[in-house]
Amino acid sequence: MILNSILAALSQMSDPRFRSVLMRGVGLTLALLIGAYVLVFWLIQFLLPDSFTLPFIGEVSFVDELLSWGSVVLMMLLSVFLMVPVASAFTGLFLDDVADAVEARHYPALGPAPRVGLAEGIRESLGFLGVLIAANLVALVAYLVLAPFAPVIFYALNGFLLGREYFAMIAVRRLGRSEAKAAFRRHIGTIWIAGALMAVPLTVPIVNLMVPIIGVAAFTHLYHRLHATTR
């Protein structure tokens, strides 16, 4: 079911309506990623002195130059960590457009769903973004204590959070908030695995730019397939 949902999302890239949303989504994702990178870059420059002295090495004064020359590489490396919160921030901006394009092609008999609305979507996304950041800050302790298992913890934690957020925001369009929560509880295992599978390519530079759009499309299919099993 999960794999079929992902394949169905990928197959729609030939649809002009979906491709238009995809291109806008990639552009916005890149803009959000650059904004997050600029913030991290500024923090590094603010926190690190222009030069410092290391034992047995002496004065090190190339930090600024290294950051400047290595900006592109640094941005790609940071995208491994930054794309998870960027994907979460993305949900409220293009979710309706992506879900509408998927449903118009694959589930036309349902008719259009009530739109979440940009303001409400952004508010929901910001709230979830706070939860995501707080959860990962707490998980830093587990990453350090259980270092060999850090990737497993990272994908399991963020897979659960992303899966819950994407499924809930799609389900609420058709079911309402309380029923969407109940649907999540019924299918928590499947949604968790789908979220973890989404988190993996989010940590792959370049590929991760398309994941938020493809993820919304895949979760739209997953919602309808899961809902069909409970009717």
Protein backbone atom coordinates (compact mmCIF):
# COMPACT_ATOMS: atom_id res chain seq x y z
CA MET A 1 0.00 0.00 0.00
CA ILE A 2 2.77 2.47 0.92
CA LEU A 3 4.90 1.61 -2.11
CA ASN A 4 1.90 1.83 -4.44
CA SER A 5 1.05 5.27 -3.00
CA ILE A 6 4.60 6.49 -3.66
CA LEU A 7 4.61 5.08 -7.19
CA ALA A 8 1.22 6.68 -7.90
CA ALA A 9 2.60 10.04 -6.74
CA LEU A 10 5.67 9.70 -8.96
CA SER A 11 3.57 8.67 -11.96
CA GLN A 12 1.68 11.96 -11.84
CA MET A 13 4.78 14.00 -12.68
CA SER A 14 3.62 13.90 -16.31
CA ASP A 15 0.43 15.77 -15.34
CA PRO A 16 0.90 19.49 -16.28
CA ARG A 17 -1.17 20.65 -13.29
CA PHE A 18 0.87 18.55 -10.88
CA ARG A 19 4.16 19.48 -12.58
CA SER A 20 3.34 23.17 -12.17
CA VAL A 21 2.81 22.70 -8.44
CA LEU A 22 5.98 20.60 -8.28
CA MET A 23 8.10 23.32 -9.88
CA ARG A 24 6.69 25.99 -7.57
CA GLY A 25 7.18 23.65 -4.64
CA VAL A 26 10.80 22.94 -5.52
CA GLY A 27 11.44 26.67 -5.85
CA LEU A 28 9.84 27.41 -2.50
CA THR A 29 11.62 24.49 -0.83
CA LEU A 30 14.94 25.78 -2.16
CA ALA A 31 14.13 29.28 -0.91
CA LEU A 32 13.22 27.95 2.55
CA LEU A 33 16.40 25.86 2.62
CA ILE A 34 18.55 28.83 1.64
CA GLY A 35 16.86 30.95 4.31
CA ALA A 36 17.53 28.27 6.94
CA TYR A 37 21.13 27.97 5.72
CA VAL A 38 21.70 31.73 5.90
CA LEU A 39 20.44 31.72 9.49
CA VAL A 40 22.74 28.83 10.48
CA PHE A 41 25.66 30.42 8.58
CA TRP A 42 25.12 33.70 10.42
CA LEU A 43 24.97 31.90 13.78
CA ILE A 44 28.25 30.09 13.05
CA GLN A 45 29.96 33.36 12.14
CA PHE A 46 28.48 35.07 15.19
CA LEU A 47 29.51 32.34 17.63
CA LEU A 48 32.97 31.58 16.21
CA PRO A 49 35.74 34.18 16.60
CA ASP A 50 37.71 35.36 13.58
CA SER A 51 40.69 33.45 14.93
CA PHE A 52 41.49 31.21 17.86
CA THR A 53 44.43 29.23 19.21
CA LEU A 54 44.58 25.46 19.46
CA PRO A 55 47.10 23.53 21.57
CA PHE A 56 50.08 22.26 19.53
CA ILE A 57 48.66 23.89 16.40
CA GLY A 58 48.74 27.57 17.19
CA GLU A 59 46.55 30.31 15.81
CA VAL A 60 43.75 29.31 13.44
CA SER A 61 42.47 32.23 11.38
CA PHE A 62 40.90 30.67 8.30
CA VAL A 63 37.42 30.00 9.70
CA ASP A 64 35.72 32.84 7.79
CA GLU A 65 37.50 31.92 4.56
CA LEU A 66 36.63 28.25 4.97
CA LEU A 67 32.95 29.08 5.50
CA SER A 68 32.95 31.41 2.50
CA TRP A 69 34.68 29.03 0.07
CA GLY A 70 32.83 26.00 1.32
CA SER A 71 29.37 27.58 1.38
CA VAL A 72 27.85 25.39 -1.33
CA VAL A 73 29.25 22.20 0.17
CA LEU A 74 28.22 23.36 3.64
CA MET A 75 24.71 24.11 2.43
CA MET A 76 24.39 20.62 0.91
CA LEU A 77 25.62 19.04 4.15
CA LEU A 78 23.30 21.17 6.27
CA SER A 79 20.39 20.25 4.01
CA VAL A 80 20.64 16.72 5.42
CA PHE A 81 19.49 18.13 8.76
CA LEU A 82 17.54 21.22 7.69
CA MET A 83 15.23 19.56 5.15
CA VAL A 84 13.14 17.83 7.82
CA PRO A 85 12.00 21.12 9.41
CA VAL A 86 11.79 22.72 5.95
CA ALA A 87 9.45 19.92 4.83
CA SER A 88 7.31 20.45 7.91
CA ALA A 89 7.11 24.20 7.27
CA PHE A 90 6.15 23.45 3.67
CA THR A 91 2.99 21.47 4.49
CA GLY A 92 0.70 24.43 5.07
CA LEU A 93 1.79 26.28 1.94
CA PHE A 94 1.10 23.88 -0.95
CA LEU A 95 -0.77 20.97 0.63
CA ASP A 96 -4.16 21.96 -0.79
CA ASP A 97 -2.78 22.47 -4.30
CA VAL A 98 -1.01 19.10 -4.35
CA ALA A 99 -3.89 17.16 -2.79
CA ASP A 100 -6.39 18.81 -5.17
CA ALA A 101 -4.28 17.84 -8.21
CA VAL A 102 -4.01 14.23 -7.01
CA GLU A 103 -7.71 13.92 -6.19
CA ALA A 104 -8.81 15.55 -9.45
CA ARG A 105 -6.94 12.90 -11.43
CA HIS A 106 -7.32 9.78 -9.29
CA TYR A 107 -10.47 10.38 -7.19
CA PRO A 108 -12.69 12.68 -9.30
CA ALA A 109 -15.94 11.22 -7.93
CA LEU A 110 -15.21 12.74 -4.51
CA GLY A 111 -15.47 16.32 -5.72
CA PRO A 112 -13.36 19.15 -4.31
CA ALA A 113 -12.54 19.09 -0.61
CA PRO A 114 -12.85 22.18 1.62
CA ARG A 115 -9.52 23.98 1.52
CA VAL A 116 -7.59 24.32 4.76
CA GLY A 117 -6.73 27.94 4.00
CA LEU A 118 -3.29 29.53 3.85
CA ALA A 119 -3.44 31.29 7.22
CA GLU A 120 -4.65 28.20 9.08
CA GLY A 121 -2.16 26.01 7.22
CA ILE A 122 0.75 28.27 8.12
CA ARG A 123 -0.40 28.40 11.75
CA GLU A 124 -0.61 24.60 11.89
CA SER A 125 2.79 24.25 10.22
CA LEU A 126 4.48 26.67 12.61
CA GLY A 127 3.00 24.83 15.58
CA PHE A 128 4.22 21.50 14.25
CA LEU A 129 7.62 22.99 13.40
CA GLY A 130 8.01 23.95 17.06
CA VAL A 131 7.16 20.40 18.14
CA LEU A 132 9.59 18.96 15.59
CA ILE A 133 12.48 21.17 16.68
CA ALA A 134 11.80 20.58 20.39
CA ALA A 135 11.60 16.80 19.89
CA ASN A 136 14.89 16.73 17.99
CA LEU A 137 16.61 18.90 20.61
CA VAL A 138 15.51 16.45 23.30
CA ALA A 139 16.62 13.56 21.07
CA LEU A 140 20.14 15.04 20.92
CA VAL A 141 20.77 13.35 24.26
CA ALA A 142 19.82 9.99 22.76
CA TYR A 143 21.97 10.72 19.70
CA LEU A 144 25.00 11.28 21.94
CA VAL A 145 24.37 8.46 24.41
CA LEU A 146 23.38 5.92 21.75
CA ALA A 147 25.59 7.20 18.94
CA PRO A 148 25.63 3.94 16.88
CA PHE A 149 21.82 4.02 16.79
CA ALA A 150 21.53 7.76 16.10
CA PRO A 151 20.38 7.33 12.45
CA VAL A 152 17.69 4.83 13.50
CA ILE A 153 16.47 7.17 16.25
CA PHE A 154 16.52 10.14 13.85
CA TYR A 155 14.47 8.41 11.13
CA ALA A 156 12.08 6.78 13.60
CA LEU A 157 11.39 10.03 15.45
CA ASN A 158 11.07 12.27 12.41
CA GLY A 159 9.22 9.59 10.45
CA PHE A 160 6.58 9.45 13.16
CA LEU A 161 6.26 13.24 13.41
CA LEU A 162 6.21 13.85 9.64
CA GLY A 163 3.81 10.98 9.01
CA ARG A 164 1.43 12.24 11.68
CA GLU A 165 1.52 15.80 10.36
CA TYR A 166 1.11 14.99 6.67
CA PHE A 167 -1.64 12.42 7.23
CA ALA A 168 -3.55 14.63 9.67
CA MET A 169 -3.50 17.70 7.41
CA ILE A 170 -4.73 15.64 4.44
CA ALA A 171 -7.34 13.67 6.40
CA VAL A 172 -8.80 16.76 8.07
CA ARG A 173 -9.88 18.06 4.65
CA ARG A 174 -12.30 15.14 4.27
CA LEU A 175 -13.03 13.98 7.82
CA GLY A 176 -12.72 16.96 10.14
CA ARG A 177 -10.24 17.25 12.99
CA SER A 178 -11.61 14.69 15.44
CA GLU A 179 -12.17 11.98 12.81
CA ALA A 180 -8.74 12.65 11.32
CA LYS A 181 -7.15 12.00 14.75
CA ALA A 182 -9.14 8.78 15.09
CA ALA A 183 -8.02 7.66 11.61
CA PHE A 184 -4.41 8.33 12.55
CA ARG A 185 -4.73 6.18 15.67
CA ARG A 186 -6.27 3.34 13.64
CA HIS A 187 -3.48 3.32 11.08
CA ILE A 188 -0.54 4.57 13.15
CA GLY A 189 1.81 1.74 12.13
CA THR A 190 1.38 2.24 8.40
CA ILE A 191 1.58 6.02 8.71
CA TRP A 192 4.75 5.78 10.83
CA ILE A 193 6.49 3.56 8.26
CA ALA A 194 5.43 5.88 5.42
CA GLY A 195 6.76 8.88 7.34
CA ALA A 196 10.09 7.14 7.97
CA LEU A 197 10.37 6.29 4.27
CA MET A 198 9.75 9.97 3.51
CA ALA A 199 12.39 11.08 6.05
CA VAL A 200 15.14 9.01 4.38
CA PRO A 201 15.25 10.85 0.99
CA LEU A 202 14.84 14.15 2.85
CA THR A 203 18.45 13.65 3.98
CA VAL A 204 19.74 13.14 0.43
CA PRO A 205 20.97 16.45 -1.08
CA ILE A 206 19.27 17.58 -4.33
CA VAL A 207 16.75 14.69 -4.19
CA ASN A 208 15.30 16.19 -1.01
CA LEU A 209 14.05 19.28 -2.86
CA MET A 210 11.24 17.26 -4.47
CA VAL A 211 10.34 15.17 -1.43
CA PRO A 212 7.87 17.59 0.25
CA ILE A 213 5.67 17.68 -2.90
CA ILE A 214 5.97 13.96 -3.62
CA GLY A 215 5.37 13.28 0.08
CA VAL A 216 2.08 15.20 0.12
CA ALA A 217 0.96 13.39 -3.05
CA ALA A 218 1.92 9.99 -1.65
CA PHE A 219 0.15 10.66 1.66
CA THR A 220 -2.96 11.78 -0.25
CA HIS A 221 -3.04 8.39 -1.96
CA LEU A 222 -2.26 6.63 1.33
CA TYR A 223 -5.11 8.42 3.11
CA HIS A 224 -7.66 7.39 0.46
CA ARG A 225 -6.43 3.78 0.41
CA LEU A 226 -6.52 3.48 4.19
CA HIS A 227 -9.93 5.16 4.35
CA ALA A 228 -11.26 2.70 1.76
CA THR A 229 -10.27 -0.23 4.01
CA THR A 230 -12.36 1.09 6.91
CA ARG A 231 -15.60 1.87 5.05
